[in-house]
Protein backbone atom coordinates (compact mmCIF):
# COMPACT_ATOMS: atom_id res chain seq x y z
CA MET A 1 78.10 -24.04 -6.15
CA ASP A 2 75.65 -23.60 -3.12
CA ASN A 3 73.69 -21.00 -5.18
CA VAL A 4 73.47 -22.54 -8.33
CA PRO A 5 69.70 -24.04 -7.85
CA GLY A 6 68.47 -20.92 -6.93
CA ASN A 7 70.07 -19.45 -9.64
CA ILE A 8 68.52 -22.20 -12.12
CA ALA A 9 65.06 -21.22 -10.28
CA ALA A 10 65.60 -17.65 -11.11
CA ASP A 11 66.69 -18.32 -14.87
CA ALA A 12 63.25 -20.70 -14.96
CA ARG A 13 61.30 -17.73 -13.76
CA LEU A 14 62.48 -15.27 -16.13
CA GLU A 15 62.35 -17.77 -19.19
CA ARG A 16 58.52 -18.01 -18.08
CA ILE A 17 57.99 -14.41 -17.92
CA GLU A 18 59.39 -13.78 -21.28
CA ALA A 19 57.31 -16.39 -22.79
CA ALA A 20 54.08 -14.78 -21.09
CA LEU A 21 55.08 -11.51 -22.44
CA ALA A 22 55.56 -13.05 -26.08
CA SER A 23 52.27 -14.76 -25.82
CA LEU A 24 50.57 -11.58 -24.93
CA GLU A 25 52.32 -9.56 -27.92
CA GLN A 26 51.24 -12.64 -30.08
CA ARG A 27 47.56 -12.00 -28.85
CA VAL A 28 47.52 -8.66 -29.31
CA ARG A 29 48.74 -8.94 -33.07
CA ALA A 30 45.96 -11.56 -33.66
CA LEU A 31 43.29 -9.21 -32.19
CA GLU A 32 44.50 -6.17 -34.68
CA SER A 33 44.76 -8.42 -37.58
CA GLY A 34 41.35 -10.20 -37.02
CA ALA A 35 43.23 -13.64 -36.91
CA PRO A 36 42.08 -16.52 -34.64
CA VAL A 37 43.49 -16.06 -31.28
CA ALA A 38 45.47 -19.00 -29.29
CA PRO A 39 44.65 -20.00 -26.23
CA ALA A 40 46.24 -17.97 -23.37
CA PRO A 41 48.87 -19.61 -21.24
CA ALA A 42 46.80 -19.18 -18.36
CA GLN A 43 44.10 -21.28 -19.92
CA GLN A 44 46.59 -23.98 -20.68
CA ALA A 45 47.39 -27.08 -18.32
CA ARG A 46 50.12 -25.69 -15.90
CA ILE A 47 52.86 -27.79 -15.03
CA ALA A 48 53.44 -27.20 -11.22
CA GLU A 49 56.94 -26.49 -9.94
CA PRO A 50 58.18 -28.44 -7.17
CA GLY A 51 57.16 -26.61 -3.90
CA VAL A 52 54.59 -24.68 -5.60
CA VAL A 53 50.77 -25.24 -4.79
CA SER A 54 49.17 -24.65 -8.26
CA GLU A 55 45.80 -21.97 -8.03
CA SER A 56 42.57 -23.33 -8.12
CA VAL A 57 40.40 -22.36 -11.22
CA THR A 58 37.01 -21.05 -10.67
CA PRO A 59 34.73 -23.16 -12.86
CA GLY A 60 32.98 -21.32 -15.50
CA PRO A 61 29.16 -21.12 -16.46
CA GLU A 62 27.62 -24.58 -16.91
CA ARG A 63 26.74 -25.15 -20.59
CA LEU A 64 23.51 -27.05 -21.52
CA ASP A 65 23.21 -29.08 -24.45
CA VAL A 66 21.10 -31.92 -25.27
CA ALA A 67 23.01 -34.28 -23.66
CA ALA A 68 23.45 -32.62 -20.61
CA GLY A 69 19.79 -31.78 -20.20
CA LEU A 70 18.94 -35.25 -20.71
CA SER A 71 21.50 -35.92 -18.01
CA LEU A 72 19.58 -33.60 -15.58
CA VAL A 73 16.20 -35.21 -16.32
CA GLY A 74 17.53 -38.62 -15.79
CA ARG A 75 19.12 -37.76 -12.32
CA THR A 76 15.59 -35.87 -11.67
CA PHE A 77 13.91 -39.21 -12.28
CA VAL A 78 16.39 -40.94 -9.82
CA VAL A 79 15.95 -38.26 -7.21
CA PHE A 80 12.09 -38.51 -7.58
CA GLY A 81 12.48 -42.59 -7.38
CA GLY A 82 14.59 -42.45 -3.82
CA ALA A 83 11.33 -40.45 -2.81
CA TYR A 84 9.13 -43.09 -3.82
CA LEU A 85 11.02 -45.80 -2.45
CA LEU A 86 10.40 -44.35 0.97
CA ARG A 87 6.97 -43.69 0.24
CA ALA A 88 6.44 -47.46 -0.51
CA LEU A 89 8.25 -48.47 2.49
CA THR A 90 5.98 -46.20 4.87
CA ASP A 91 2.78 -47.35 2.87
CA SER A 92 3.71 -50.80 3.40
CA GLY A 93 4.42 -50.68 7.14
CA ARG A 94 8.31 -51.57 6.74
CA LEU A 95 8.94 -47.94 8.26
CA PRO A 96 6.50 -46.11 10.65
CA ARG A 97 4.61 -43.39 9.49
CA GLY A 98 6.43 -41.02 11.36
CA ALA A 99 9.87 -42.05 10.61
CA GLY A 100 8.87 -42.25 6.97
CA ILE A 101 7.76 -38.65 6.79
CA ALA A 102 10.67 -37.75 8.65
CA LEU A 103 13.28 -39.58 6.18
CA GLY A 104 11.48 -37.86 3.41
CA VAL A 105 11.96 -34.70 4.64
CA ALA A 106 15.23 -35.16 5.13
CA TYR A 107 15.93 -36.52 2.13
CA ALA A 108 14.18 -33.44 0.41
CA LEU A 109 16.55 -31.34 2.43
CA ALA A 110 19.48 -33.10 1.64
CA TRP A 111 18.98 -32.39 -2.21
CA LEU A 112 18.50 -28.41 -1.21
CA VAL A 113 21.84 -29.00 0.21
CA VAL A 114 23.43 -30.35 -2.89
CA ALA A 115 21.50 -27.59 -5.18
CA ASP A 116 23.21 -25.11 -2.86
CA ARG A 117 26.74 -26.85 -3.11
CA ALA A 118 26.01 -27.05 -7.16
CA ALA A 119 25.08 -23.33 -7.33
CA ALA A 120 28.48 -22.31 -5.16
CA ARG A 121 30.24 -24.29 -8.00
CA GLY A 122 28.84 -22.45 -11.00
CA ARG A 123 26.48 -25.11 -11.81
CA ARG A 124 23.35 -23.01 -11.64
CA VAL A 125 21.28 -25.46 -14.08
CA SER A 126 21.84 -28.23 -11.91
CA ALA A 127 20.93 -26.40 -8.88
CA ALA A 128 17.72 -25.20 -10.11
CA PHE A 129 16.73 -28.69 -10.85
CA HIS A 130 17.84 -30.16 -7.41
CA GLY A 131 16.04 -27.09 -5.95
CA THR A 132 12.75 -27.40 -7.61
CA THR A 133 12.99 -31.12 -7.02
CA ALA A 134 13.62 -30.75 -3.07
CA VAL A 135 10.51 -28.63 -3.12
CA LEU A 136 8.25 -30.93 -5.35
CA ILE A 137 9.35 -33.67 -2.75
CA GLY A 138 9.14 -31.91 0.60
CA LEU A 139 5.76 -29.73 0.23
CA PRO A 140 3.55 -32.78 -0.52
CA LEU A 141 5.09 -34.79 2.44
CA LEU A 142 4.22 -31.82 4.40
CA TRP A 143 0.82 -31.78 3.24
CA ASP A 144 0.18 -35.49 4.15
CA ALA A 145 1.59 -35.17 7.63
CA PRO A 146 -1.41 -33.30 9.10
CA THR A 147 -3.91 -34.61 6.61
CA ARG A 148 -3.51 -38.12 5.54
CA PHE A 149 -1.48 -39.38 8.12
CA ALA A 150 -2.55 -37.16 10.89
CA LEU A 151 0.86 -36.93 12.46
CA LEU A 152 1.13 -32.91 12.93
CA LEU A 153 -0.98 -30.71 14.31
CA PRO A 154 -2.04 -27.49 12.16
CA ASN A 155 0.51 -25.31 14.45
CA ALA A 156 3.34 -27.77 14.31
CA ALA A 157 2.23 -28.39 10.34
CA ALA A 158 2.30 -24.53 9.84
CA GLY A 159 6.05 -24.44 11.52
CA ALA A 160 7.17 -27.08 9.53
CA VAL A 161 6.37 -25.51 6.29
CA THR A 162 7.68 -22.37 7.36
CA ALA A 163 11.02 -24.07 8.22
CA PHE A 164 11.07 -25.99 5.02
CA VAL A 165 10.17 -22.95 2.60
CA GLY A 166 12.44 -20.52 4.81
CA LEU A 167 15.28 -22.64 4.19
CA ALA A 168 14.63 -22.86 0.72
CA LEU A 169 13.92 -19.32 -0.02
CA PHE A 170 17.35 -18.78 1.96
CA VAL A 171 19.15 -20.92 -0.55
CA SER A 172 17.49 -19.29 -3.44
CA TRP A 173 18.38 -15.80 -2.16
CA ARG A 174 22.12 -16.74 -1.24
CA ARG A 175 22.75 -18.19 -4.58
CA ALA A 176 20.43 -16.18 -6.55
CA LEU A 177 18.41 -19.02 -7.67
CA GLN A 178 15.04 -17.20 -9.04
CA SER A 179 13.72 -20.28 -10.07
CA LEU A 180 14.19 -22.09 -6.70
CA ALA A 181 12.48 -19.06 -5.19
CA ALA A 182 9.62 -18.98 -7.60
CA ALA A 183 9.00 -22.89 -7.17
CA ALA A 184 9.17 -22.70 -3.42
CA THR A 185 7.01 -19.48 -2.95
CA LEU A 186 3.98 -20.64 -5.21
CA GLY A 187 4.51 -24.33 -3.62
CA ALA A 188 4.21 -22.84 -0.65
CA LEU A 189 1.15 -20.60 -1.20
CA GLY A 190 -0.57 -23.58 -2.87
CA VAL A 191 -0.04 -25.71 0.41
CA THR A 192 -1.13 -23.05 2.44
CA VAL A 193 -4.44 -22.69 0.94
CA GLY A 194 -4.91 -26.29 0.98
CA LEU A 195 -3.94 -26.91 4.44
CA VAL A 196 -6.49 -24.33 5.60
CA GLY A 197 -9.22 -25.90 3.46
CA SER A 198 -8.41 -29.51 4.76
CA THR A 199 -7.55 -28.62 8.40
CA GLY A 200 -10.23 -25.97 9.07
CA HIS A 201 -7.66 -23.99 10.96
CA VAL A 202 -6.84 -20.57 9.43
CA ALA A 203 -4.73 -18.79 11.93
CA PRO A 204 -1.21 -20.59 11.99
CA PHE A 205 -1.42 -20.87 8.18
CA ALA A 206 -2.65 -17.01 8.01
CA VAL A 207 1.11 -16.44 10.10
CA PHE A 208 2.81 -18.36 7.49
CA ALA A 209 1.02 -16.66 4.64
CA VAL A 210 2.22 -13.41 6.09
CA LEU A 211 5.94 -14.49 6.77
CA VAL A 212 6.13 -15.84 2.53
CA GLY A 213 4.77 -12.31 1.81
CA ILE A 214 7.30 -10.52 3.83
CA ALA A 215 10.25 -12.85 2.56
CA THR A 216 9.18 -12.43 -0.88
CA LEU A 217 8.90 -8.68 -0.48
CA TRP A 218 12.58 -8.59 0.80
CA LEU A 219 13.96 -10.79 -2.06
CA GLY A 220 12.25 -8.27 -4.41
CA TYR A 221 14.25 -5.30 -2.53
CA ASP A 222 17.28 -7.28 -2.78
CA ARG A 223 17.35 -9.54 -5.90
CA ASP A 224 14.95 -7.67 -7.94
CA TRP A 225 12.52 -10.43 -8.28
CA PHE A 226 9.69 -8.16 -8.63
CA TRP A 227 6.69 -10.42 -9.48
CA LEU A 228 7.01 -12.87 -6.38
CA ARG A 229 5.67 -10.49 -3.65
CA TRP A 230 2.43 -9.83 -5.70
CA PRO A 231 0.79 -13.26 -5.37
CA ALA A 232 2.17 -13.80 -1.79
CA ALA A 233 0.59 -10.30 -0.55
CA ILE A 234 -2.79 -11.60 -2.33
CA VAL A 235 -3.00 -14.87 -0.68
CA ALA A 236 -1.77 -13.27 2.48
CA ASN A 237 -4.68 -10.81 2.16
CA ILE A 238 -7.25 -13.35 1.62
CA ILE A 239 -6.39 -15.86 4.07
CA VAL A 240 -6.46 -12.98 6.98
CA LEU A 241 -9.59 -11.47 5.73
CA GLY A 242 -11.00 -15.05 5.85
CA LEU A 243 -9.73 -15.42 9.56
CA VAL A 244 -11.24 -12.05 10.41
CA SER A 245 -14.57 -13.11 8.95
CA ARG A 246 -14.44 -16.24 11.27
CA ALA A 247 -13.89 -14.30 13.85
CA VAL A 248 -16.65 -11.91 13.95
CA ALA A 249 -19.10 -14.72 12.71
CA PRO A 250 -21.94 -15.47 15.28
CA GLU A 251 -20.60 -19.09 15.47
CA HIS A 252 -17.05 -17.66 16.86
CA ARG A 253 -15.13 -19.98 14.60
CA GLU A 254 -11.79 -18.47 15.35
CA SER A 255 -10.82 -17.19 18.68
CA TRP A 256 -10.60 -12.97 19.05
CA HIS A 257 -7.02 -13.36 20.17
CA ALA A 258 -6.00 -14.59 16.97
CA GLY A 259 -8.51 -12.51 15.31
CA ILE A 260 -6.86 -9.57 16.69
CA ALA A 261 -3.15 -10.39 16.43
CA VAL A 262 -2.59 -12.01 13.02
CA PRO A 263 -4.31 -9.13 10.92
CA LEU A 264 -2.17 -6.62 13.32
CA PHE A 265 0.73 -8.88 12.48
CA LEU A 266 0.14 -8.32 8.64
CA PHE A 267 -0.42 -4.39 9.19
CA VAL A 268 2.74 -3.95 11.32
CA ALA A 269 5.02 -6.38 9.12
CA TYR A 270 4.22 -4.84 5.77
CA LEU A 271 4.41 -1.12 7.26
CA ALA A 272 7.56 -1.89 9.14
CA SER A 273 9.24 -3.23 5.70
CA PHE A 274 8.07 -0.25 4.01
CA ALA A 275 9.13 2.17 5.94
CA ALA A 276 12.70 0.55 6.23
CA ARG A 277 13.03 0.71 2.70
CA THR A 278 11.96 4.02 2.23
CA LEU A 279 13.27 5.92 5.54
CA VAL A 280 16.21 3.86 6.10
CA ARG A 281 17.50 2.88 2.60
CA GLY A 282 16.11 6.22 1.09
CA ARG A 283 14.12 4.83 -1.71
CA LEU A 284 11.00 6.15 -3.19
CA VAL A 285 8.03 4.51 -2.77
CA ILE A 286 6.36 2.10 -5.34
CA PRO A 287 3.12 0.87 -6.64
CA PHE A 288 3.17 -2.14 -4.65
CA GLU A 289 3.94 -0.35 -1.30
CA ILE A 290 0.77 1.92 -1.75
CA ALA A 291 -1.39 -1.13 -2.97
CA GLN A 292 -0.54 -3.17 -0.19
CA THR A 293 -0.67 -0.29 2.40
CA VAL A 294 -4.14 0.00 1.47
CA ALA A 295 -4.80 -3.77 1.95
CA ALA A 296 -2.97 -3.79 5.34
CA LEU A 297 -5.12 -0.71 6.50
CA GLY A 298 -8.26 -2.19 5.58
CA ILE A 299 -7.87 -5.81 6.18
CA GLY A 300 -5.13 -5.73 9.09
CA LEU A 301 -6.02 -2.61 10.92
CA GLY A 302 -9.85 -2.80 10.19
CA GLY A 303 -10.10 -6.62 10.68
CA ALA A 304 -8.26 -6.18 14.34
CA VAL A 305 -10.54 -2.92 15.09
CA ALA A 306 -13.84 -5.31 14.02
CA VAL A 307 -12.93 -8.34 15.90
CA ALA A 308 -12.04 -6.12 18.85
CA HIS A 309 -15.22 -4.18 18.82
CA LEU A 310 -17.45 -7.15 18.44
CA ARG A 311 -15.69 -9.87 20.50
CA GLY A 312 -12.67 -9.00 22.78
CA GLY A 313 -12.31 -5.43 23.57
CA GLY A 314 -9.34 -3.36 23.22
CA ALA A 315 -10.49 -1.22 20.63
CA ALA A 316 -9.39 1.98 22.64
CA ALA A 317 -5.87 0.73 22.68
CA LEU A 318 -5.75 0.15 18.85
CA GLY A 319 -7.37 3.30 18.33
CA ALA A 320 -4.90 5.18 20.75
CA ALA A 321 -1.92 3.21 18.92
CA ALA A 322 -3.44 4.15 15.10
CA ILE A 323 -3.21 8.00 16.46
CA LEU A 324 0.34 7.61 17.89
CA LEU A 325 1.26 6.25 14.76
CA GLY A 326 -0.67 8.83 12.76
CA VAL A 327 1.19 11.51 14.49
CA GLY A 328 4.81 10.00 14.06
CA CYS A 329 3.89 9.68 10.22
CA TYR A 330 3.17 13.39 10.17
CA ALA A 331 6.07 14.08 11.95
CA VAL A 332 8.16 11.57 9.72
CA ALA A 333 6.63 13.21 6.46
CA PHE A 334 7.00 16.90 7.29
CA ALA A 335 10.22 17.07 9.60
CA PHE A 336 12.54 14.24 7.65
CA VAL A 337 10.94 13.47 4.51
CA GLU A 338 10.14 16.90 2.98
CA ARG A 339 13.67 18.21 3.86
CA ARG A 340 15.58 14.96 2.93
CA HIS A 341 13.56 14.08 -0.57
CA GLY A 342 11.48 17.24 -1.06
CA LEU A 343 7.53 16.92 -2.10
CA GLY A 344 7.95 13.72 -3.92
CA ALA A 345 5.82 10.45 -3.77
CA ASN A 346 7.51 9.36 -0.32
CA PHE A 347 6.19 12.48 1.13
CA PHE A 348 2.61 12.22 -0.29
CA PHE A 349 2.66 8.43 0.88
CA TYR A 350 3.50 9.41 4.78
CA SER A 351 1.42 12.41 5.00
CA THR A 352 -1.61 10.60 3.45
CA LEU A 353 -0.86 7.41 5.75
CA ALA A 354 -0.69 10.09 8.61
CA LEU A 355 -3.96 11.53 7.76
CA VAL A 356 -6.04 8.32 7.44
CA LEU A 357 -4.66 6.71 10.52
CA THR A 358 -5.28 9.82 12.49
CA LEU A 359 -8.73 9.41 11.40
CA VAL A 360 -9.26 5.97 12.28
CA GLY A 361 -7.61 6.11 15.55
CA THR A 362 -9.97 9.30 16.28
CA GLY A 363 -13.12 7.20 15.10
CA ILE A 364 -12.35 4.37 16.86
CA LEU A 365 -11.67 6.38 20.48
CA LEU A 366 -14.81 8.52 20.22
CA PRO A 367 -18.30 8.25 19.33
CA ALA A 368 -19.71 10.05 15.92
CA ALA A 369 -20.60 13.55 17.45
CA ALA A 370 -17.57 13.60 19.29
CA PHE A 371 -15.68 12.47 16.35
CA SER A 372 -17.13 14.91 14.15
CA MET A 373 -16.39 18.00 16.65
CA VAL A 374 -12.91 16.65 16.86
CA SER A 375 -12.43 16.53 13.04
CA ALA A 376 -13.65 20.17 12.70
CA ALA A 377 -10.95 21.09 15.18
CA LEU A 378 -8.36 19.47 13.20
CA ALA A 379 -9.37 20.97 10.20
CA VAL A 380 -9.31 24.55 11.83
CA LEU A 381 -5.71 23.57 13.26
CA THR A 382 -4.33 22.48 9.92
CA THR A 383 -5.70 24.93 8.29
CA TRP A 384 -3.70 27.44 10.49
CA LEU A 385 -0.46 25.55 10.31
CA ALA A 386 -0.80 25.33 6.45
CA VAL A 387 -1.20 29.35 6.67
CA ARG A 388 1.73 29.70 9.51
CA ARG A 389 4.17 26.82 7.96
CA SER A 390 3.27 27.48 4.10
CA ARG A 391 2.54 23.78 3.57
CA LEU A 392 -0.15 23.25 0.96
CA ALA A 393 -0.47 19.80 2.12
CA LEU A 394 -1.78 20.68 5.37
CA ALA A 395 -4.62 22.65 3.33
CA GLY A 396 -5.59 19.64 1.69
CA HIS A 397 -5.90 17.86 4.92
CA ALA A 398 -8.22 20.21 6.41
CA ALA A 399 -10.33 19.90 3.49
CA VAL A 400 -10.49 16.07 4.12
CA TYR A 401 -10.97 16.90 7.60
CA VAL A 402 -14.11 19.57 6.98
CA CYS A 403 -15.67 16.84 4.89
CA VAL A 404 -15.49 14.14 7.48
CA ALA A 405 -16.88 16.31 10.18
CA ALA A 406 -19.87 17.58 7.87
CA LEU A 407 -20.52 13.97 6.91
CA VAL A 408 -20.18 12.22 10.60
CA SER A 409 -22.25 15.20 12.20
CA GLY A 410 -25.15 14.98 9.64
CA LEU A 411 -24.57 18.37 8.46
CA LEU A 412 -24.32 17.35 4.52
CA PRO A 413 -27.10 15.08 4.73
CA TRP A 414 -29.49 17.29 6.52
CA ALA A 415 -28.52 20.00 3.76
CA ALA A 416 -29.49 17.26 1.39
CA THR A 417 -32.75 17.15 3.01
CA ALA A 418 -33.24 20.60 3.17
CA PHE A 419 -32.83 21.16 -0.52
CA GLY A 420 -34.65 17.71 -1.47
CA ARG A 421 -38.11 16.69 -1.74
CA THR A 422 -38.93 16.98 2.04
CA LEU A 423 -38.45 19.69 4.64
CA VAL A 424 -36.18 19.12 7.19
CA GLY A 425 -37.87 17.50 10.21
CA ALA A 426 -35.48 17.93 12.98
CA PRO A 427 -33.00 20.92 13.74
CA LEU A 428 -29.59 20.56 12.96
CA ALA A 429 -27.60 18.82 15.83
CA LEU A 430 -24.65 20.67 17.92
CA ALA A 431 -22.25 18.35 16.05
CA GLY A 432 -23.49 19.86 12.70
CA TRP A 433 -23.16 23.30 14.09
CA VAL A 434 -20.04 22.77 14.96
CA ALA A 435 -19.06 21.36 11.68
CA LEU A 436 -20.23 24.27 9.90
CA ALA A 437 -18.47 26.95 12.31
CA GLY A 438 -15.49 24.99 12.06
CA SER A 439 -15.76 24.92 7.93
CA VAL A 440 -16.31 29.12 8.05
CA VAL A 441 -13.16 29.40 10.36
CA CYS A 442 -11.09 27.58 7.99
CA LEU A 443 -12.39 29.35 4.82
CA ALA A 444 -11.77 32.88 6.56
CA MET A 445 -8.14 32.17 7.08
CA PRO A 446 -5.65 33.26 4.24
CA ARG A 447 -4.82 31.12 1.32
CA PRO A 448 -1.22 29.49 2.26
CA ILE A 449 1.54 29.95 -0.25
CA GLN A 450 4.25 27.57 -0.80
CA PRO A 451 7.31 28.69 -2.73
CA GLY A 452 7.77 26.91 -5.72
CA VAL A 453 4.23 25.36 -6.01
CA PRO A 454 1.84 27.12 -8.08
CA ALA A 455 -0.69 29.39 -5.93
CA THR A 456 -3.93 27.40 -8.03
CA PHE A 457 -3.21 24.21 -5.81
CA ALA A 458 -4.00 26.38 -2.54
CA SER A 459 -7.58 27.09 -4.06
CA VAL A 460 -8.43 23.12 -4.59
CA PRO A 461 -9.09 22.37 -0.78
CA ARG A 462 -10.30 26.01 -0.21
CA LEU A 463 -12.84 25.41 -2.78
CA VAL A 464 -14.11 22.02 -1.43
CA ILE A 465 -14.59 23.87 2.17
CA ALA A 466 -16.61 26.63 0.07
CA LEU A 467 -18.51 23.91 -1.07
CA VAL A 468 -19.83 22.61 2.76
CA VAL A 469 -19.97 26.12 3.57
CA VAL A 470 -22.49 27.37 1.05
CA ALA A 471 -24.49 24.12 1.45
CA GLY A 472 -24.62 24.10 5.12
CA ALA A 473 -25.54 27.67 5.45
CA GLY A 474 -28.12 27.72 2.86
CA ALA A 475 -29.56 24.68 4.28
CA VAL A 476 -30.00 26.51 7.76
CA VAL A 477 -31.66 29.51 6.00
CA VAL A 478 -34.14 27.37 3.91
CA ALA A 479 -34.97 25.66 7.05
CA ALA A 480 -35.79 28.80 9.10
CA LEU A 481 -37.48 30.43 6.18
CA ALA A 482 -39.56 27.07 5.47
CA ARG A 483 -40.55 27.00 9.50
CA VAL A 484 -41.80 30.52 9.34
CA THR A 485 -43.42 30.72 5.74
CA ALA A 486 -44.75 27.17 4.83
CA GLY A 487 -47.13 26.50 7.95
CA MET A 488 -47.72 22.82 9.32
CA PRO A 489 -48.04 20.84 7.30
CA ALA A 490 -45.80 22.61 5.14
CA ASP A 491 -47.07 23.77 1.78
CA PRO A 492 -44.84 22.30 -0.98
CA GLY A 493 -45.22 25.50 -3.17
CA ILE A 494 -44.03 28.01 -0.52
CA VAL A 495 -41.04 25.59 0.23
CA ALA A 496 -39.99 25.52 -3.37
CA THR A 497 -40.19 29.45 -3.27
CA ASP A 498 -37.92 29.50 -0.08
CA ARG A 499 -35.50 27.43 -1.83
CA THR A 500 -35.31 29.41 -5.04
CA ALA A 501 -34.85 32.95 -2.78
CA VAL A 502 -32.11 31.31 -1.10
CA MET A 503 -30.30 30.13 -3.89
CA ALA A 504 -30.89 33.43 -5.54
CA LEU A 505 -29.64 35.23 -2.54
CA ALA A 506 -26.42 32.72 -2.63
CA ALA A 507 -25.70 33.78 -5.98
CA LEU A 508 -25.42 37.37 -5.00
CA ALA A 509 -23.38 36.77 -2.11
CA LEU A 510 -21.06 34.39 -4.06
CA ALA A 511 -20.90 37.35 -6.80
CA TRP A 512 -19.98 40.07 -4.08
CA ALA A 513 -16.97 37.55 -2.27
CA THR A 514 -15.22 37.70 -5.90
CA ARG A 515 -14.56 41.42 -5.12
CA TYR A 516 -12.27 40.16 -2.00
CA GLU A 517 -9.48 37.87 -2.83
CA ARG A 518 -9.40 35.85 0.35
CA PHE A 519 -12.85 34.74 -0.82
CA LEU A 520 -12.29 34.13 -4.58
CA GLU A 521 -13.05 30.41 -4.48
CA LEU A 522 -16.81 31.20 -3.53
CA GLY A 523 -16.93 33.05 -6.66
CA TRP A 524 -15.96 29.76 -8.53
CA LEU A 525 -19.41 28.48 -7.30
CA LEU A 526 -21.09 31.59 -8.94
CA TYR A 527 -22.37 30.07 -12.38
CA PRO A 528 -22.86 26.42 -10.96
CA VAL A 529 -25.35 27.75 -8.36
CA LEU A 530 -27.33 29.97 -11.09
CA LEU A 531 -27.30 26.69 -13.25
CA VAL A 532 -28.48 24.35 -10.68
CA GLY A 533 -31.22 27.11 -9.61
CA ALA A 534 -32.35 27.14 -13.01
CA VAL A 535 -33.05 23.63 -13.09
CA LYS A 536 -34.73 23.80 -10.06
CA LEU A 537 -37.08 26.39 -11.15
CA LEU A 538 -38.28 23.62 -13.97
CA VAL A 539 -38.07 20.80 -12.23
CA GLU A 540 -39.73 21.94 -8.59
CA ASP A 541 -41.13 25.08 -8.66
CA PHE A 542 -43.32 25.10 -11.83
CA PRO A 543 -45.12 21.66 -11.11
CA ARG A 544 -45.49 22.50 -7.25
CA SER A 545 -45.83 26.24 -6.83
CA LYS A 546 -49.27 28.52 -7.39
CA PRO A 547 -49.24 31.27 -9.55
CA ALA A 548 -48.30 33.90 -6.86
CA THR A 549 -45.52 32.04 -5.48
CA LEU A 550 -44.19 31.14 -8.81
CA PHE A 551 -44.36 35.16 -9.48
CA LEU A 552 -42.09 35.65 -6.80
CA ALA A 553 -39.77 32.92 -7.31
CA LEU A 554 -39.01 34.02 -10.93
CA ALA A 555 -38.74 37.58 -9.96
CA LEU A 556 -36.23 36.79 -7.52
CA TYR A 557 -34.07 34.36 -9.43
CA GLY A 558 -34.41 36.77 -12.53
CA LEU A 559 -33.11 39.80 -10.35
CA ALA A 560 -30.13 37.33 -9.53
CA LEU A 561 -29.28 36.10 -13.10
CA ILE A 562 -29.30 39.80 -13.67
CA ALA A 563 -27.39 41.20 -11.17
CA ALA A 564 -24.73 38.55 -9.96
CA PRO A 565 -22.61 38.58 -13.15
CA ARG A 566 -22.41 42.49 -12.68
CA LEU A 567 -21.50 42.18 -9.28
CA ALA A 568 -19.08 39.75 -10.24
CA ARG A 569 -16.65 42.28 -12.04
CA ARG A 570 -13.31 40.66 -11.39
CA PRO A 571 -11.82 38.26 -13.84
CA SER A 572 -9.74 36.44 -11.51
CA VAL A 573 -12.93 34.64 -10.39
CA THR A 574 -11.68 31.89 -12.56
CA ALA A 575 -7.79 32.42 -11.92
CA PRO A 576 -6.70 33.32 -8.59
CA VAL A 577 -3.61 35.73 -8.31
CA ASP A 578 -0.51 34.23 -7.27
CA ARG A 579 1.04 36.27 -4.16
CA SER A 580 4.05 33.91 -4.09
CA PRO A 581 7.33 35.27 -2.91
CA ALA A 582 8.74 34.85 -6.70
CA THR A 583 6.12 36.81 -8.14
CA ARG A 584 6.51 39.96 -5.71
């Protein structure tokens, strides 16, 4: 008799199991026949057994019809009514201004909490209404606090806006409320721009704008809310650029400390976020990261360097830091990214960033002449490494270093003058000679061949270096001939003939270079040089030269036109031979 209650309970459970199985069989048959399906027992009201706690049922998604929509709008009006009641009590003096602002902000924060709770219960539409209402109440109050009521200093106002917007963005991230994130972001950007204009203080709100930019960036990474990061980054860049312009202005409207620290914060914050996503998470670089990296380099690092040069010093430290970052990016690109991801977008992103940071840091630390010499040395070093390690990317970097050395040293401007209207007045400086020598050394090294990469790609940077070599060497010969033959003052006709003679000799030298595979890129310049020389005869020699010098110019150039194509016999002038291991 003692076991009768237990037997009854067991029989009841067996009966419920049999009923559930019968119901399931009935639903399967109904689905197969296409008949309407009756509600499952789990969805019907349950009768709890004595001593057994019923399970909670998670509510489904909120359905929005006309009545529900009007109810939400009505509740929003009531919420705004409470905010205006606090405003009326504050304006009438029944509440002190500080207490009224504090209560208003607390009221807005309370509705953020309500939005969080509503989203947790599945009432996402209600949560979106409550969260957006909280933003529309809180941000105007934080606008009035430093402007209309003068209750907060700019730094405190920026801190209060940061805390409020940060909480709103946290709730939006936690509950996946994109509408709340959009309202908080756009409202924060508008309030930031307005506070900058009304208070005249830029630095604290620039920091806040950068924080909003970083927050929206990570919201995009985690929640795929891609569009929010663009307006946030644009506003942050503009405000930081305004801060830099104020710091370097003659009136010194911004402290140099802020003029250096805030742009560096923009630069470091964004690049650290990009590195965390691409290196730690192993994701591919995206267009936004490329665009914002360019902006962070120009506005962030460039702005800090400009302020340091004009106001506070410390440019050398920034230059050294940029060089260290450049070396680090080189290591990341070639020792980590290339081995892990191959020659993809991440590799070119970090290798290009390494090149730019190295050039920027060297340019900050050194004067122009020394900078050009170091660039020439880096060109030789990267060319040697490209050949030794079979890395075509380094060959491209070598071409960039050669161009920088030729421009900064004055070699290319000097060459343009030598082939231009007037004769070179001053001789080529030492830095120009070093740049020319470095270019020749780079061109003399073998062409790097990287397995799996077309050999033609290796000829592109060598073609750039060949242009520098031909222009620089030709200008040197023109200047030497003109000083010997043209007299003082220089005869324009003789100078024109000297230039024509040099171009004719250059064409023959380029044609001869095609016989050697290492210098095939020089052969690519043969016909362009012949074409430019022909145009030069018509534009310069005929108007300026006398019959005797014109006869010499035409004879020399005619011989070059006859001999150069015959001297360049190899068809590989236009297509270099692929010597990669796969074709051997």
